[in-house]
């Protein structure tokens, strides 16, 4: 089974975002990142929810998540 395309919505200077990226890195999970400050719509949608990990099918995993929650999220597609 191919790993789904993942996007981590984040902002610069966000400690929680850095923790989420570290967790993804430790798990060897490739992902794209999007800085929510790059657009007003992204800021409105994710402003207080970041970091958020999104799959290409639209499913989202809000912080806080750990390795077990991440595995479950990836397996649930």
PDB file of N, CA and C in Angstrom:
ATOM      1  N   UNK A   1       0.850  -1.184   0.000  1.00  0.00           N
ATOM      2  CA  UNK A   1       0.000   0.000   0.000  1.00  0.00           C
ATOM      3  C   UNK A   1       0.890   1.240   0.000  1.00  0.00           C
ATOM      4  N   UNK A   2       0.607   2.173  -0.892  1.00  0.00           N
ATOM      5  CA  UNK A   2       1.394   3.393  -1.002  1.00  0.00           C
ATOM      6  C   UNK A   2       0.987   4.368   0.090  1.00  0.00           C
ATOM      7  N   UNK A   3       1.978   5.026   0.666  1.00  0.00           N
ATOM      8  CA  UNK A   3       1.711   6.008   1.709  1.00  0.00           C
ATOM      9  C   UNK A   3       0.977   7.202   1.115  1.00  0.00           C
ATOM     10  N   UNK A   4      -0.060   7.690   1.764  1.00  0.00           N
ATOM     11  CA  UNK A   4      -0.792   8.836   1.231  1.00  0.00           C
ATOM     12  C   UNK A   4       0.057  10.100   1.299  1.00  0.00           C
ATOM     13  N   UNK A   5      -0.215  11.038   0.405  1.00  0.00           N
ATOM     14  CA  UNK A   5       0.460  12.330   0.442  1.00  0.00           C
ATOM     15  C   UNK A   5      -0.004  13.067   1.687  1.00  0.00           C
ATOM     16  N   UNK A   6       0.934  13.565   2.456  1.00  0.00           N
ATOM     17  CA  UNK A   6       0.628  14.257   3.696  1.00  0.00           C
ATOM     18  C   UNK A   6       1.130  15.690   3.643  1.00  0.00           C
ATOM     19  N   UNK A   7       0.367  16.572   4.271  1.00  0.00           N
ATOM     20  CA  UNK A   7       0.757  17.975   4.385  1.00  0.00           C
ATOM     21  C   UNK A   7       0.654  18.372   5.843  1.00  0.00           C
ATOM     22  N   UNK A   8       1.714  18.979   6.349  1.00  0.00           N
ATOM     23  CA  UNK A   8       1.702  19.502   7.706  1.00  0.00           C
ATOM     24  C   UNK A   8       1.493  21.002   7.622  1.00  0.00           C
ATOM     25  N   UNK A   9       0.361  21.453   8.156  1.00  0.00           N
ATOM     26  CA  UNK A   9       0.074  22.883   8.223  1.00  0.00           C
ATOM     27  C   UNK A   9       0.699  23.400   9.508  1.00  0.00           C
ATOM     28  N   UNK A  10       1.500  24.458   9.364  1.00  0.00           N
ATOM     29  CA  UNK A  10       2.309  24.951  10.476  1.00  0.00           C
ATOM     30  C   UNK A  10       2.579  26.436  10.316  1.00  0.00           C
ATOM     31  N   UNK A  11       3.318  26.992  11.237  1.00  0.00           N
ATOM     32  CA  UNK A  11       3.830  28.349  11.095  1.00  0.00           C
ATOM     33  C   UNK A  11       5.251  28.376  11.642  1.00  0.00           C
ATOM     34  N   UNK A  12       6.019  29.365  11.221  1.00  0.00           N
ATOM     35  CA  UNK A  12       7.379  29.514  11.727  1.00  0.00           C
ATOM     36  C   UNK A  12       7.332  29.861  13.211  1.00  0.00           C
ATOM     37  N   UNK A  13       8.388  29.531  13.912  1.00  0.00           N
ATOM     38  CA  UNK A  13       8.541  29.840  15.336  1.00  0.00           C
ATOM     39  C   UNK A  13       7.423  29.228  16.174  1.00  0.00           C
ATOM     40  N   UNK A  14       7.001  28.029  15.800  1.00  0.00           N
ATOM     41  CA  UNK A  14       5.942  27.313  16.517  1.00  0.00           C
ATOM     42  C   UNK A  14       6.564  26.056  17.117  1.00  0.00           C
ATOM     43  N   UNK A  15       6.695  26.022  18.432  1.00  0.00           N
ATOM     44  CA  UNK A  15       7.313  24.878  19.100  1.00  0.00           C
ATOM     45  C   UNK A  15       6.536  23.589  18.845  1.00  0.00           C
ATOM     46  N   UNK A  16       5.222  23.651  18.918  1.00  0.00           N
ATOM     47  CA  UNK A  16       4.416  22.455  18.672  1.00  0.00           C
ATOM     48  C   UNK A  16       4.597  21.944  17.246  1.00  0.00           C
ATOM     49  N   UNK A  17       4.735  22.868  16.314  1.00  0.00           N
ATOM     50  CA  UNK A  17       4.960  22.486  14.917  1.00  0.00           C
ATOM     51  C   UNK A  17       6.303  21.780  14.772  1.00  0.00           C
ATOM     52  N   UNK A  18       7.312  22.277  15.470  1.00  0.00           N
ATOM     53  CA  UNK A  18       8.631  21.641  15.438  1.00  0.00           C
ATOM     54  C   UNK A  18       8.555  20.242  16.039  1.00  0.00           C
ATOM     55  N   UNK A  19       7.779  20.071  17.099  1.00  0.00           N
ATOM     56  CA  UNK A  19       7.609  18.749  17.701  1.00  0.00           C
ATOM     57  C   UNK A  19       6.921  17.793  16.736  1.00  0.00           C
ATOM     58  N   UNK A  20       5.899  18.276  16.038  1.00  0.00           N
ATOM     59  CA  UNK A  20       5.185  17.437  15.067  1.00  0.00           C
ATOM     60  C   UNK A  20       6.120  17.041  13.925  1.00  0.00           C
ATOM     61  N   UNK A  21       6.926  17.988  13.442  1.00  0.00           N
ATOM     62  CA  UNK A  21       7.869  17.667  12.363  1.00  0.00           C
ATOM     63  C   UNK A  21       8.911  16.664  12.828  1.00  0.00           C
ATOM     64  N   UNK A  22       9.360  16.781  14.056  1.00  0.00           N
ATOM     65  CA  UNK A  22      10.327  15.824  14.590  1.00  0.00           C
ATOM     66  C   UNK A  22       9.712  14.429  14.669  1.00  0.00           C
ATOM     67  N   UNK A  23       8.471  14.346  15.104  1.00  0.00           N
ATOM     68  CA  UNK A  23       7.782  13.060  15.194  1.00  0.00           C
ATOM     69  C   UNK A  23       7.652  12.426  13.808  1.00  0.00           C
ATOM     70  N   UNK A  24       7.277  13.220  12.826  1.00  0.00           N
ATOM     71  CA  UNK A  24       7.169  12.717  11.460  1.00  0.00           C
ATOM     72  C   UNK A  24       8.533  12.256  10.950  1.00  0.00           C
ATOM     73  N   UNK A  25       9.556  13.018  11.243  1.00  0.00           N
ATOM     74  CA  UNK A  25      10.892  12.657  10.824  1.00  0.00           C
ATOM     75  C   UNK A  25      11.371  11.363  11.470  1.00  0.00           C
ATOM     76  N   UNK A  26      11.126  11.222  12.768  1.00  0.00           N
ATOM     77  CA  UNK A  26      11.525  10.004  13.480  1.00  0.00           C
ATOM     78  C   UNK A  26      10.820   8.781  12.927  1.00  0.00           C
ATOM     79  N   UNK A  27       9.590   8.975  12.457  1.00  0.00           N
ATOM     80  CA  UNK A  27       8.817   7.873  11.892  1.00  0.00           C
ATOM     81  C   UNK A  27       9.161   7.635  10.417  1.00  0.00           C
ATOM     82  N   UNK A  28       9.997   8.492   9.844  1.00  0.00           N
ATOM     83  CA  UNK A  28      10.374   8.339   8.442  1.00  0.00           C
ATOM     84  C   UNK A  28       9.248   8.649   7.482  1.00  0.00           C
ATOM     85  N   UNK A  29       8.363   9.533   7.886  1.00  0.00           N
ATOM     86  CA  UNK A  29       7.190   9.856   7.071  1.00  0.00           C
ATOM     87  C   UNK A  29       7.452  11.120   6.264  1.00  0.00           C
ATOM     88  N   UNK A  30       7.438  10.964   4.944  1.00  0.00           N
ATOM     89  CA  UNK A  30       7.614  12.116   4.058  1.00  0.00           C
ATOM     90  C   UNK A  30       6.339  12.941   4.046  1.00  0.00           C
ATOM     91  N   UNK A  31       6.524  14.251   3.994  1.00  0.00           N
ATOM     92  CA  UNK A  31       5.379  15.152   4.005  1.00  0.00           C
ATOM     93  C   UNK A  31       5.786  16.502   3.438  1.00  0.00           C
ATOM     94  N   UNK A  32       4.802  17.220   2.983  1.00  0.00           N
ATOM     95  CA  UNK A  32       4.999  18.609   2.575  1.00  0.00           C
ATOM     96  C   UNK A  32       4.641  19.492   3.763  1.00  0.00           C
ATOM     97  N   UNK A  33       5.164  20.696   3.785  1.00  0.00           N
ATOM     98  CA  UNK A  33       4.777  21.645   4.825  1.00  0.00           C
ATOM     99  C   UNK A  33       4.190  22.892   4.178  1.00  0.00           C
ATOM    100  N   UNK A  34       3.213  23.464   4.860  1.00  0.00           N
ATOM    101  CA  UNK A  34       2.594  24.704   4.399  1.00  0.00           C
ATOM    102  C   UNK A  34       2.553  25.658   5.582  1.00  0.00           C
ATOM    103  N   UNK A  35       3.128  26.836   5.392  1.00  0.00           N
ATOM    104  CA  UNK A  35       3.081  27.884   6.407  1.00  0.00           C
ATOM    105  C   UNK A  35       1.728  28.574   6.290  1.00  0.00           C
ATOM    106  N   UNK A  36       0.933  28.499   7.339  1.00  0.00           N
ATOM    107  CA  UNK A  36      -0.422  29.057   7.254  1.00  0.00           C
ATOM    108  C   UNK A  36      -0.422  30.570   7.147  1.00  0.00           C
ATOM    109  N   UNK A  37       0.716  31.202   7.438  1.00  0.00           N
ATOM    110  CA  UNK A  37       0.801  32.654   7.301  1.00  0.00           C
ATOM    111  C   UNK A  37       0.933  33.089   5.845  1.00  0.00           C
ATOM    112  N   UNK A  38       0.968  32.104   4.928  1.00  0.00           N
ATOM    113  CA  UNK A  38       1.101  32.425   3.504  1.00  0.00           C
ATOM    114  C   UNK A  38      -0.227  32.828   2.867  1.00  0.00           C
ATOM    115  N   UNK A  39      -1.325  32.718   3.597  1.00  0.00           N
ATOM    116  CA  UNK A  39      -2.613  33.105   3.038  1.00  0.00           C
ATOM    117  C   UNK A  39      -3.669  33.312   4.106  1.00  0.00           C
ATOM    118  N   UNK A  40      -4.531  34.267   3.875  1.00  0.00           N
ATOM    119  CA  UNK A  40      -5.569  34.597   4.853  1.00  0.00           C
ATOM    120  C   UNK A  40      -6.530  33.424   5.091  1.00  0.00           C
ATOM    121  N   UNK A  41      -6.854  32.685   4.043  1.00  0.00           N
ATOM    122  CA  UNK A  41      -7.768  31.551   4.199  1.00  0.00           C
ATOM    123  C   UNK A  41      -7.150  30.467   5.068  1.00  0.00           C
ATOM    124  N   UNK A  42      -5.853  30.209   4.869  1.00  0.00           N
ATOM    125  CA  UNK A  42      -5.166  29.216   5.694  1.00  0.00           C
ATOM    126  C   UNK A  42      -5.092  29.680   7.141  1.00  0.00           C
ATOM    127  N   UNK A  43      -4.788  30.935   7.346  1.00  0.00           N
ATOM    128  CA  UNK A  43      -4.727  31.501   8.701  1.00  0.00           C
ATOM    129  C   UNK A  43      -6.076  31.381   9.391  1.00  0.00           C
ATOM    130  N   UNK A  44      -7.153  31.668   8.657  1.00  0.00           N
ATOM    131  CA  UNK A  44      -8.493  31.577   9.241  1.00  0.00           C
ATOM    132  C   UNK A  44      -8.855  30.137   9.590  1.00  0.00           C
ATOM    133  N   UNK A  45      -8.470  29.202   8.744  1.00  0.00           N
ATOM    134  CA  UNK A  45      -8.831  27.801   8.964  1.00  0.00           C
ATOM    135  C   UNK A  45      -7.995  27.126  10.048  1.00  0.00           C
ATOM    136  N   UNK A  46      -6.696  27.392  10.057  1.00  0.00           N
ATOM    137  CA  UNK A  46      -5.790  26.652  10.934  1.00  0.00           C
ATOM    138  C   UNK A  46      -5.171  27.490  12.057  1.00  0.00           C
ATOM    139  N   UNK A  47      -5.502  28.753  12.153  1.00  0.00           N
ATOM    140  CA  UNK A  47      -4.829  29.672  13.067  1.00  0.00           C
ATOM    141  C   UNK A  47      -4.614  29.174  14.480  1.00  0.00           C
ATOM    142  N   UNK A  48      -5.608  28.587  15.092  1.00  0.00           N
ATOM    143  CA  UNK A  48      -5.468  28.118  16.477  1.00  0.00           C
ATOM    144  C   UNK A  48      -5.352  26.609  16.571  1.00  0.00           C
ATOM    145  N   UNK A  49      -5.351  25.921  15.440  1.00  0.00           N
ATOM    146  CA  UNK A  49      -5.331  24.452  15.446  1.00  0.00           C
ATOM    147  C   UNK A  49      -3.961  23.855  15.162  1.00  0.00           C
ATOM    148  N   UNK A  50      -3.017  24.639  14.707  1.00  0.00           N
ATOM    149  CA  UNK A  50      -1.746  24.084  14.249  1.00  0.00           C
ATOM    150  C   UNK A  50      -0.967  23.442  15.380  1.00  0.00           C
ATOM    151  N   UNK A  51      -0.156  22.474  15.051  1.00  0.00           N
ATOM    152  CA  UNK A  51       0.019  21.860  13.740  1.00  0.00           C
ATOM    153  C   UNK A  51      -1.120  20.902  13.410  1.00  0.00           C
ATOM    154  N   UNK A  52      -1.411  20.800  12.133  1.00  0.00           N
ATOM    155  CA  UNK A  52      -2.428  19.882  11.631  1.00  0.00           C
ATOM    156  C   UNK A  52      -1.806  19.082  10.489  1.00  0.00           C
ATOM    157  N   UNK A  53      -1.953  17.782  10.562  1.00  0.00           N
ATOM    158  CA  UNK A  53      -1.481  16.902   9.507  1.00  0.00           C
ATOM    159  C   UNK A  53      -2.681  16.502   8.663  1.00  0.00           C
ATOM    160  N   UNK A  54      -2.588  16.733   7.362  1.00  0.00           N
ATOM    161  CA  UNK A  54      -3.711  16.445   6.463  1.00  0.00           C
ATOM    162  C   UNK A  54      -3.292  15.409   5.427  1.00  0.00           C
ATOM    163  N   UNK A  55      -4.216  14.482   5.149  1.00  0.00           N
ATOM    164  CA  UNK A  55      -4.021  13.511   4.074  1.00  0.00           C
ATOM    165  C   UNK A  55      -4.629  14.062   2.794  1.00  0.00           C
ATOM    166  N   UNK A  56      -4.233  13.481   1.675  1.00  0.00           N
ATOM    167  CA  UNK A  56      -4.743  13.937   0.383  1.00  0.00           C
ATOM    168  C   UNK A  56      -6.238  13.679   0.218  1.00  0.00           C
ATOM    169  N   UNK A  57      -6.812  12.783   1.037  1.00  0.00           N
ATOM    170  CA  UNK A  57      -8.254  12.533   0.958  1.00  0.00           C
ATOM    171  C   UNK A  57      -9.069  13.515   1.801  1.00  0.00           C
ATOM    172  N   UNK A  58      -8.390  14.485   2.431  1.00  0.00           N
ATOM    173  CA  UNK A  58      -9.082  15.516   3.209  1.00  0.00           C
ATOM    174  C   UNK A  58      -9.131  15.259   4.704  1.00  0.00           C
ATOM    175  N   UNK A  59      -8.785  14.070   5.144  1.00  0.00           N
ATOM    176  CA  UNK A  59      -8.786  13.771   6.579  1.00  0.00           C
ATOM    177  C   UNK A  59      -7.665  14.555   7.253  1.00  0.00           C
ATOM    178  N   UNK A  60      -7.939  15.011   8.480  1.00  0.00           N
ATOM    179  CA  UNK A  60      -6.975  15.811   9.215  1.00  0.00           C
ATOM    180  C   UNK A  60      -6.761  15.258  10.619  1.00  0.00           C
ATOM    181  N   UNK A  61      -5.532  15.383  11.084  1.00  0.00           N
ATOM    182  CA  UNK A  61      -5.149  14.971  12.427  1.00  0.00           C
ATOM    183  C   UNK A  61      -4.622  16.201  13.147  1.00  0.00           C
ATOM    184  N   UNK A  62      -5.356  16.647  14.155  1.00  0.00           N
ATOM    185  CA  UNK A  62      -4.959  17.831  14.920  1.00  0.00           C
ATOM    186  C   UNK A  62      -3.980  17.454  16.025  1.00  0.00           C
ATOM    187  N   UNK A  63      -3.120  18.378  16.358  1.00  0.00           N
ATOM    188  CA  UNK A  63      -2.222  18.233  17.494  1.00  0.00           C
ATOM    189  C   UNK A  63      -3.051  18.312  18.757  1.00  0.00           C
ATOM    190  N   UNK A  64      -2.768  17.581  19.790  1.00  0.00           N
ATOM    191  CA  UNK A  64      -1.585  16.753  19.964  1.00  0.00           C
ATOM    192  C   UNK A  64      -1.797  15.353  19.404  1.00  0.00           C
ATOM    193  N   UNK A  65      -0.740  14.820  18.785  1.00  0.00           N
ATOM    194  CA  UNK A  65      -0.741  13.422  18.364  1.00  0.00           C
ATOM    195  C   UNK A  65       0.625  12.826  18.659  1.00  0.00           C
ATOM    196  N   UNK A  66       0.607  11.527  18.897  1.00  0.00           N
ATOM    197  CA  UNK A  66       1.852  10.806  19.170  1.00  0.00           C
ATOM    198  C   UNK A  66       2.053   9.767  18.074  1.00  0.00           C
ATOM    199  N   UNK A  67       3.083   8.943  18.223  1.00  0.00           N
ATOM    200  CA  UNK A  67       3.397   7.951  17.199  1.00  0.00           C
ATOM    201  C   UNK A  67       2.238   6.976  16.975  1.00  0.00           C
ATOM    202  N   UNK A  68       1.569   6.567  18.048  1.00  0.00           N
ATOM    203  CA  UNK A  68       0.446   5.630  17.910  1.00  0.00           C
ATOM    204  C   UNK A  68      -0.716   6.278  17.159  1.00  0.00           C
ATOM    205  N   UNK A  69      -1.042   7.516  17.489  1.00  0.00           N
ATOM    206  CA  UNK A  69      -2.124   8.227  16.791  1.00  0.00           C
ATOM    207  C   UNK A  69      -1.758   8.441  15.325  1.00  0.00           C
ATOM    208  N   UNK A  70      -0.498   8.713  15.073  1.00  0.00           N
ATOM    209  CA  UNK A  70      -0.032   8.907  13.702  1.00  0.00           C
ATOM    210  C   UNK A  70      -0.181   7.616  12.901  1.00  0.00           C
ATOM    211  N   UNK A  71       0.219   6.496  13.463  1.00  0.00           N
ATOM    212  CA  UNK A  71       0.070   5.195  12.774  1.00  0.00           C
ATOM    213  C   UNK A  71      -1.403   4.906  12.496  1.00  0.00           C
ATOM    214  N   UNK A  72      -2.266   5.154  13.467  1.00  0.00           N
ATOM    215  CA  UNK A  72      -3.702   4.911  13.290  1.00  0.00           C
ATOM    216  C   UNK A  72      -4.267   5.810  12.185  1.00  0.00           C
ATOM    217  N   UNK A  73      -3.843   7.065  12.160  1.00  0.00           N
ATOM    218  CA  UNK A  73      -4.304   7.999  11.139  1.00  0.00           C
ATOM    219  C   UNK A  73      -3.891   7.539   9.747  1.00  0.00           C
ATOM    220  N   UNK A  74      -2.657   7.073   9.617  1.00  0.00           N
ATOM    221  CA  UNK A  74      -2.182   6.587   8.317  1.00  0.00           C
ATOM    222  C   UNK A  74      -2.870   5.309   7.894  1.00  0.00           C
ATOM    223  N   UNK A  75      -3.209   4.457   8.848  1.00  0.00           N
ATOM    224  CA  UNK A  75      -3.847   3.172   8.537  1.00  0.00           C
ATOM    225  C   UNK A  75      -5.333   3.313   8.250  1.00  0.00           C
ATOM    226  N   UNK A  76      -5.940   4.429   8.620  1.00  0.00           N
ATOM    227  CA  UNK A  76      -7.395   4.572   8.522  1.00  0.00           C
ATOM    228  C   UNK A  76      -7.895   5.049   7.176  1.00  0.00           C
ATOM    229  N   UNK A  77      -7.007   5.195   6.224  1.00  0.00           N
ATOM    230  CA  UNK A  77      -7.497   5.719   4.937  1.00  0.00           C
ATOM    231  C   UNK A  77      -8.213   4.697   4.132  1.00  0.00           C
TER     232      UNK A  77
END
